Amino acid sequence: MITRAEQLGIVRGPLWIIGHSDEENALLDPITNDVEVITERGRSDLDDDDDAEIHQPVSAAIVVVDDVETLADDLDDALPQLGSVPVVWVALPSLSRGLTTSSVAAVLDDYGWSASAPVELGQGWTAVRVMPA
């Protein structure tokens, strides 16, 4: 069975997950051992050392949101760092009333980014790959 991370082409390297809850941070679970999960840019979730820093560039990022306001706030904070990340996704609930792939595309357009066609992740989640326009 293919995992959500594999559906998105995330198979190795540091993965930055930008989420606001344990459910959002665990959206791609199970993740293979070849992927190192980061929920705070520059810090590994696997490292118990408080002074440890990530020196390897992030290879993928996923912004997990459930409303337009949260997406805009997350993009304000993260987009300056996401420009150098080769694979960036935005994940959203498939049945959200206020957040659709069209509204995600509109918000991204305000930042000079664009979105690909949606990928159904199953269990009520959809993702769109995003990139600078």
N, C-alpha and C. Protein backbone atom coordinates (compact mmCIF):
# COMPACT_ATOMS: atom_id res chain seq x y z
N MET A 1 0.83 -1.18 0.00
CA MET A 1 0.00 0.00 0.00
C MET A 1 0.88 1.25 0.00
N ILE A 2 0.56 2.20 -0.86
CA ILE A 2 1.32 3.43 -0.96
C ILE A 2 0.88 4.40 0.15
N THR A 3 1.85 5.04 0.78
CA THR A 3 1.53 5.98 1.86
C THR A 3 1.22 7.36 1.28
N ARG A 4 0.66 8.22 2.11
CA ARG A 4 0.38 9.59 1.67
C ARG A 4 1.66 10.31 1.27
N ALA A 5 2.71 10.12 2.04
CA ALA A 5 4.00 10.76 1.72
C ALA A 5 4.49 10.30 0.35
N GLU A 6 4.37 9.01 0.08
CA GLU A 6 4.80 8.49 -1.22
C GLU A 6 3.93 9.04 -2.35
N GLN A 7 2.62 9.22 -2.11
CA GLN A 7 1.74 9.82 -3.10
C GLN A 7 2.25 11.20 -3.51
N LEU A 8 2.84 11.90 -2.55
CA LEU A 8 3.32 13.26 -2.79
C LEU A 8 4.79 13.29 -3.23
N GLY A 9 5.39 12.12 -3.40
CA GLY A 9 6.79 12.07 -3.83
C GLY A 9 7.78 12.36 -2.73
N ILE A 10 7.36 12.23 -1.49
CA ILE A 10 8.23 12.48 -0.33
C ILE A 10 8.73 11.14 0.17
N VAL A 11 9.96 10.80 -0.19
CA VAL A 11 10.48 9.47 0.15
C VAL A 11 11.80 9.52 0.92
N ARG A 12 12.47 10.67 0.95
CA ARG A 12 13.72 10.77 1.72
C ARG A 12 14.07 12.21 1.98
N GLY A 13 14.90 12.40 2.98
CA GLY A 13 15.38 13.74 3.31
C GLY A 13 14.51 14.42 4.35
N PRO A 14 14.95 15.60 4.78
CA PRO A 14 14.18 16.36 5.77
C PRO A 14 12.86 16.87 5.19
N LEU A 15 11.77 16.67 5.93
CA LEU A 15 10.43 17.12 5.56
C LEU A 15 9.95 18.08 6.63
N TRP A 16 9.65 19.30 6.23
CA TRP A 16 9.13 20.32 7.15
C TRP A 16 7.62 20.28 7.10
N ILE A 17 6.97 19.93 8.22
CA ILE A 17 5.52 19.93 8.32
C ILE A 17 5.09 21.17 9.08
N ILE A 18 4.27 21.99 8.43
CA ILE A 18 3.76 23.21 9.06
C ILE A 18 2.29 22.95 9.37
N GLY A 19 2.04 22.58 10.61
CA GLY A 19 0.69 22.26 11.05
C GLY A 19 0.46 22.87 12.42
N HIS A 20 -0.79 22.80 12.89
CA HIS A 20 -1.14 23.44 14.15
C HIS A 20 -1.69 22.48 15.19
N SER A 21 -1.75 21.21 14.86
CA SER A 21 -2.26 20.22 15.81
C SER A 21 -1.51 18.92 15.60
N ASP A 22 -1.66 18.02 16.55
CA ASP A 22 -1.03 16.70 16.41
C ASP A 22 -1.58 15.98 15.18
N GLU A 23 -2.89 16.13 14.93
CA GLU A 23 -3.50 15.48 13.76
C GLU A 23 -2.87 16.02 12.47
N GLU A 24 -2.72 17.32 12.39
CA GLU A 24 -2.13 17.91 11.19
C GLU A 24 -0.67 17.50 11.03
N ASN A 25 0.09 17.49 12.13
CA ASN A 25 1.50 17.10 12.06
C ASN A 25 1.67 15.63 11.72
N ALA A 26 0.65 14.82 11.98
CA ALA A 26 0.71 13.38 11.70
C ALA A 26 0.01 13.01 10.39
N LEU A 27 -0.36 13.99 9.58
CA LEU A 27 -1.12 13.73 8.36
C LEU A 27 -0.45 12.71 7.45
N LEU A 28 0.87 12.74 7.34
CA LEU A 28 1.58 11.85 6.43
C LEU A 28 2.04 10.55 7.07
N ASP A 29 1.71 10.32 8.34
CA ASP A 29 2.10 9.07 9.00
C ASP A 29 1.41 7.88 8.35
N PRO A 30 2.05 6.76 8.22
CA PRO A 30 3.44 6.48 8.59
C PRO A 30 4.41 6.99 7.52
N ILE A 31 5.54 7.48 7.99
CA ILE A 31 6.59 7.99 7.10
C ILE A 31 7.79 7.06 7.25
N THR A 32 8.45 6.77 6.12
CA THR A 32 9.60 5.87 6.15
C THR A 32 10.75 6.47 6.96
N ASN A 33 11.66 5.63 7.36
CA ASN A 33 12.83 6.07 8.12
C ASN A 33 13.77 6.96 7.31
N ASP A 34 13.59 6.98 5.98
CA ASP A 34 14.43 7.81 5.13
C ASP A 34 13.99 9.27 5.13
N VAL A 35 12.85 9.56 5.77
CA VAL A 35 12.35 10.93 5.85
C VAL A 35 12.48 11.40 7.30
N GLU A 36 13.15 12.53 7.48
CA GLU A 36 13.31 13.12 8.80
C GLU A 36 12.29 14.24 8.95
N VAL A 37 11.37 14.11 9.90
CA VAL A 37 10.29 15.08 10.08
C VAL A 37 10.77 16.24 10.94
N ILE A 38 10.43 17.44 10.46
CA ILE A 38 10.75 18.68 11.17
C ILE A 38 9.44 19.45 11.31
N THR A 39 9.10 19.87 12.52
CA THR A 39 7.91 20.70 12.68
C THR A 39 8.28 22.13 13.05
N GLU A 40 9.54 22.35 13.33
CA GLU A 40 10.07 23.69 13.55
C GLU A 40 11.28 23.84 12.65
N ARG A 41 11.24 24.78 11.72
CA ARG A 41 12.31 24.91 10.73
C ARG A 41 13.66 25.00 11.43
N GLY A 42 14.58 24.15 10.98
CA GLY A 42 15.92 24.14 11.54
C GLY A 42 16.10 23.17 12.70
N ARG A 43 15.04 22.46 13.11
CA ARG A 43 15.14 21.54 14.24
C ARG A 43 14.51 20.20 13.87
N SER A 44 15.15 19.13 14.23
CA SER A 44 14.64 17.79 13.96
C SER A 44 13.76 17.32 15.10
N ASP A 45 12.63 16.70 14.76
CA ASP A 45 11.77 16.12 15.78
C ASP A 45 12.36 14.84 16.35
N LEU A 46 13.36 14.28 15.69
CA LEU A 46 13.97 13.04 16.14
C LEU A 46 15.13 13.27 17.11
N ASP A 47 15.56 14.51 17.24
CA ASP A 47 16.75 14.81 18.03
C ASP A 47 16.36 15.28 19.43
N ASP A 48 16.88 14.61 20.44
CA ASP A 48 16.59 14.99 21.83
C ASP A 48 17.48 16.11 22.33
N ASP A 49 18.53 16.44 21.60
CA ASP A 49 19.46 17.48 22.00
C ASP A 49 18.87 18.85 21.68
N ASP A 50 18.62 19.66 22.72
CA ASP A 50 18.02 20.97 22.53
C ASP A 50 18.86 21.90 21.66
N ASP A 51 20.17 21.66 21.59
CA ASP A 51 21.04 22.53 20.82
C ASP A 51 21.28 22.02 19.40
N ALA A 52 20.68 20.88 19.05
CA ALA A 52 20.90 20.29 17.73
C ALA A 52 20.22 21.12 16.66
N GLU A 53 20.88 21.31 15.56
CA GLU A 53 20.34 22.06 14.43
C GLU A 53 20.38 21.17 13.19
N ILE A 54 19.47 21.41 12.26
CA ILE A 54 19.48 20.72 10.97
C ILE A 54 20.40 21.51 10.05
N HIS A 55 21.38 20.85 9.48
CA HIS A 55 22.28 21.53 8.56
C HIS A 55 22.01 21.10 7.12
N GLN A 56 21.29 20.02 6.93
CA GLN A 56 20.94 19.55 5.60
C GLN A 56 19.72 20.35 5.12
N PRO A 57 19.72 20.79 3.86
CA PRO A 57 18.57 21.55 3.37
C PRO A 57 17.29 20.72 3.42
N VAL A 58 16.18 21.38 3.66
CA VAL A 58 14.88 20.72 3.65
C VAL A 58 14.58 20.31 2.22
N SER A 59 14.17 19.05 2.02
CA SER A 59 13.90 18.56 0.67
C SER A 59 12.42 18.66 0.29
N ALA A 60 11.54 18.79 1.29
CA ALA A 60 10.11 18.92 1.02
C ALA A 60 9.44 19.61 2.21
N ALA A 61 8.31 20.24 1.92
CA ALA A 61 7.53 20.88 2.98
C ALA A 61 6.06 20.69 2.67
N ILE A 62 5.26 20.61 3.73
CA ILE A 62 3.81 20.53 3.56
C ILE A 62 3.18 21.45 4.59
N VAL A 63 2.32 22.33 4.10
CA VAL A 63 1.55 23.24 4.94
C VAL A 63 0.18 22.62 5.09
N VAL A 64 -0.22 22.29 6.32
CA VAL A 64 -1.50 21.63 6.58
C VAL A 64 -2.42 22.66 7.24
N VAL A 65 -3.54 22.96 6.57
CA VAL A 65 -4.44 24.01 7.06
C VAL A 65 -5.89 23.57 6.95
N ASP A 66 -6.76 24.27 7.71
CA ASP A 66 -8.18 23.96 7.59
C ASP A 66 -9.03 25.20 7.35
N ASP A 67 -8.39 26.38 7.19
CA ASP A 67 -9.15 27.58 6.83
C ASP A 67 -8.23 28.57 6.11
N VAL A 68 -8.85 29.50 5.40
CA VAL A 68 -8.10 30.45 4.57
C VAL A 68 -7.22 31.37 5.41
N GLU A 69 -7.73 31.80 6.56
CA GLU A 69 -6.96 32.72 7.40
C GLU A 69 -5.67 32.06 7.90
N THR A 70 -5.77 30.80 8.30
CA THR A 70 -4.59 30.07 8.76
C THR A 70 -3.59 29.92 7.62
N LEU A 71 -4.08 29.63 6.41
CA LEU A 71 -3.20 29.51 5.26
C LEU A 71 -2.45 30.81 5.03
N ALA A 72 -3.15 31.94 5.03
CA ALA A 72 -2.49 33.23 4.80
C ALA A 72 -1.47 33.52 5.89
N ASP A 73 -1.80 33.24 7.15
CA ASP A 73 -0.85 33.45 8.25
C ASP A 73 0.38 32.57 8.09
N ASP A 74 0.15 31.29 7.76
CA ASP A 74 1.28 30.37 7.59
C ASP A 74 2.16 30.80 6.43
N LEU A 75 1.55 31.25 5.34
CA LEU A 75 2.33 31.69 4.19
C LEU A 75 3.12 32.95 4.51
N ASP A 76 2.53 33.87 5.27
CA ASP A 76 3.27 35.07 5.69
C ASP A 76 4.55 34.68 6.41
N ASP A 77 4.45 33.68 7.29
CA ASP A 77 5.59 33.25 8.08
C ASP A 77 6.57 32.38 7.30
N ALA A 78 6.07 31.49 6.48
CA ALA A 78 6.91 30.44 5.89
C ALA A 78 7.39 30.69 4.46
N LEU A 79 6.63 31.45 3.66
CA LEU A 79 6.99 31.57 2.24
C LEU A 79 8.41 32.06 1.99
N PRO A 80 8.93 33.00 2.76
CA PRO A 80 10.32 33.40 2.49
C PRO A 80 11.31 32.24 2.58
N GLN A 81 11.00 31.23 3.40
CA GLN A 81 11.87 30.06 3.54
C GLN A 81 11.51 28.96 2.56
N LEU A 82 10.28 28.94 2.07
CA LEU A 82 9.82 27.86 1.19
C LEU A 82 10.33 28.00 -0.24
N GLY A 83 10.75 29.19 -0.63
CA GLY A 83 11.22 29.40 -1.99
C GLY A 83 12.40 28.52 -2.37
N SER A 84 13.20 28.13 -1.38
CA SER A 84 14.37 27.28 -1.65
C SER A 84 14.09 25.80 -1.47
N VAL A 85 12.87 25.44 -1.10
CA VAL A 85 12.49 24.04 -0.89
C VAL A 85 11.97 23.49 -2.22
N PRO A 86 12.55 22.38 -2.71
CA PRO A 86 12.19 21.88 -4.04
C PRO A 86 10.75 21.36 -4.18
N VAL A 87 10.19 20.79 -3.12
CA VAL A 87 8.84 20.22 -3.19
C VAL A 87 8.02 20.80 -2.04
N VAL A 88 6.97 21.57 -2.40
CA VAL A 88 6.11 22.19 -1.39
C VAL A 88 4.66 21.85 -1.70
N TRP A 89 3.94 21.41 -0.67
CA TRP A 89 2.53 21.04 -0.79
C TRP A 89 1.71 21.83 0.21
N VAL A 90 0.44 22.06 -0.11
CA VAL A 90 -0.55 22.54 0.84
C VAL A 90 -1.60 21.45 0.93
N ALA A 91 -1.89 21.01 2.15
CA ALA A 91 -2.91 19.98 2.38
C ALA A 91 -4.10 20.61 3.10
N LEU A 92 -5.30 20.18 2.70
CA LEU A 92 -6.51 20.74 3.29
C LEU A 92 -7.58 19.66 3.36
N PRO A 93 -8.53 19.82 4.26
CA PRO A 93 -9.62 18.85 4.33
C PRO A 93 -10.44 18.90 3.03
N SER A 94 -10.78 17.74 2.50
CA SER A 94 -11.52 17.67 1.23
C SER A 94 -12.90 18.28 1.33
N LEU A 95 -13.53 18.21 2.47
CA LEU A 95 -14.92 18.66 2.61
C LEU A 95 -15.05 19.96 3.38
N SER A 96 -14.00 20.75 3.44
CA SER A 96 -14.05 22.02 4.14
C SER A 96 -14.99 22.98 3.41
N ARG A 97 -15.82 23.67 4.15
CA ARG A 97 -16.76 24.60 3.52
C ARG A 97 -16.07 25.86 3.03
N GLY A 98 -15.17 26.41 3.80
CA GLY A 98 -14.56 27.68 3.46
C GLY A 98 -13.24 27.57 2.73
N LEU A 99 -12.66 26.40 2.71
CA LEU A 99 -11.34 26.22 2.11
C LEU A 99 -11.45 25.19 0.99
N THR A 100 -11.15 25.62 -0.22
CA THR A 100 -11.19 24.73 -1.38
C THR A 100 -9.87 24.88 -2.12
N THR A 101 -9.62 24.01 -3.06
CA THR A 101 -8.40 24.15 -3.86
C THR A 101 -8.41 25.47 -4.62
N SER A 102 -9.58 25.96 -5.00
CA SER A 102 -9.68 27.26 -5.68
C SER A 102 -9.32 28.40 -4.74
N SER A 103 -9.79 28.34 -3.49
CA SER A 103 -9.44 29.41 -2.55
C SER A 103 -7.96 29.35 -2.18
N VAL A 104 -7.38 28.15 -2.13
CA VAL A 104 -5.94 28.02 -1.90
C VAL A 104 -5.18 28.67 -3.05
N ALA A 105 -5.61 28.39 -4.28
CA ALA A 105 -4.96 28.98 -5.46
C ALA A 105 -5.06 30.50 -5.44
N ALA A 106 -6.20 31.03 -5.01
CA ALA A 106 -6.37 32.49 -4.95
C ALA A 106 -5.43 33.11 -3.91
N VAL A 107 -5.29 32.48 -2.75
CA VAL A 107 -4.38 32.99 -1.73
C VAL A 107 -2.94 32.92 -2.24
N LEU A 108 -2.58 31.80 -2.84
CA LEU A 108 -1.22 31.65 -3.37
C LEU A 108 -0.92 32.70 -4.43
N ASP A 109 -1.91 33.01 -5.27
CA ASP A 109 -1.74 34.01 -6.31
C ASP A 109 -1.37 35.37 -5.71
N ASP A 110 -1.94 35.69 -4.55
CA ASP A 110 -1.61 36.95 -3.86
C ASP A 110 -0.13 37.01 -3.48
N TYR A 111 0.49 35.86 -3.32
CA TYR A 111 1.91 35.78 -2.94
C TYR A 111 2.82 35.52 -4.14
N GLY A 112 2.23 35.43 -5.33
CA GLY A 112 3.03 35.16 -6.53
C GLY A 112 3.39 33.69 -6.68
N TRP A 113 2.58 32.81 -6.10
CA TRP A 113 2.76 31.37 -6.20
C TRP A 113 1.57 30.78 -6.94
N SER A 114 1.73 29.56 -7.44
CA SER A 114 0.63 28.87 -8.12
C SER A 114 0.49 27.46 -7.56
N ALA A 115 -0.65 26.83 -7.88
CA ALA A 115 -0.94 25.49 -7.38
C ALA A 115 -1.23 24.55 -8.54
N SER A 116 -0.86 23.28 -8.35
CA SER A 116 -1.13 22.24 -9.34
C SER A 116 -2.53 21.69 -9.13
N ALA A 117 -2.89 20.72 -9.96
CA ALA A 117 -4.15 20.01 -9.78
C ALA A 117 -4.12 19.27 -8.44
N PRO A 118 -5.27 19.12 -7.80
CA PRO A 118 -5.30 18.45 -6.49
C PRO A 118 -5.01 16.96 -6.56
N VAL A 119 -4.44 16.46 -5.48
CA VAL A 119 -4.17 15.04 -5.29
C VAL A 119 -5.00 14.59 -4.08
N GLU A 120 -5.86 13.61 -4.28
CA GLU A 120 -6.67 13.08 -3.18
C GLU A 120 -5.80 12.18 -2.30
N LEU A 121 -5.72 12.51 -1.02
CA LEU A 121 -4.90 11.72 -0.10
C LEU A 121 -5.72 10.67 0.64
N GLY A 122 -7.03 10.71 0.50
CA GLY A 122 -7.89 9.76 1.20
C GLY A 122 -8.21 10.23 2.60
N GLN A 123 -9.19 9.61 3.20
CA GLN A 123 -9.63 9.91 4.56
C GLN A 123 -9.89 11.39 4.76
N GLY A 124 -10.46 12.04 3.71
CA GLY A 124 -10.90 13.41 3.86
C GLY A 124 -9.87 14.49 3.64
N TRP A 125 -8.72 14.17 3.01
CA TRP A 125 -7.68 15.16 2.78
C TRP A 125 -7.30 15.24 1.31
N THR A 126 -6.97 16.45 0.88
CA THR A 126 -6.53 16.75 -0.47
C THR A 126 -5.25 17.58 -0.36
N ALA A 127 -4.38 17.48 -1.35
CA ALA A 127 -3.17 18.30 -1.37
C ALA A 127 -2.96 18.89 -2.76
N VAL A 128 -2.36 20.08 -2.79
CA VAL A 128 -1.96 20.70 -4.05
C VAL A 128 -0.49 21.06 -3.92
N ARG A 129 0.26 20.77 -4.99
CA ARG A 129 1.67 21.15 -5.00
C ARG A 129 1.73 22.63 -5.37
N VAL A 130 2.55 23.37 -4.66
CA VAL A 130 2.64 24.80 -4.89
C VAL A 130 4.08 25.17 -5.26
N MET A 131 4.18 26.25 -6.07
CA MET A 131 5.50 26.70 -6.51
C MET A 131 5.43 28.18 -6.86
N PRO A 132 6.59 28.84 -6.84
CA PRO A 132 6.58 30.24 -7.28
C PRO A 132 6.09 30.32 -8.72
N ALA A 133 5.26 31.32 -9.01
CA ALA A 133 4.69 31.48 -10.35
C ALA A 133 5.74 32.00 -11.33
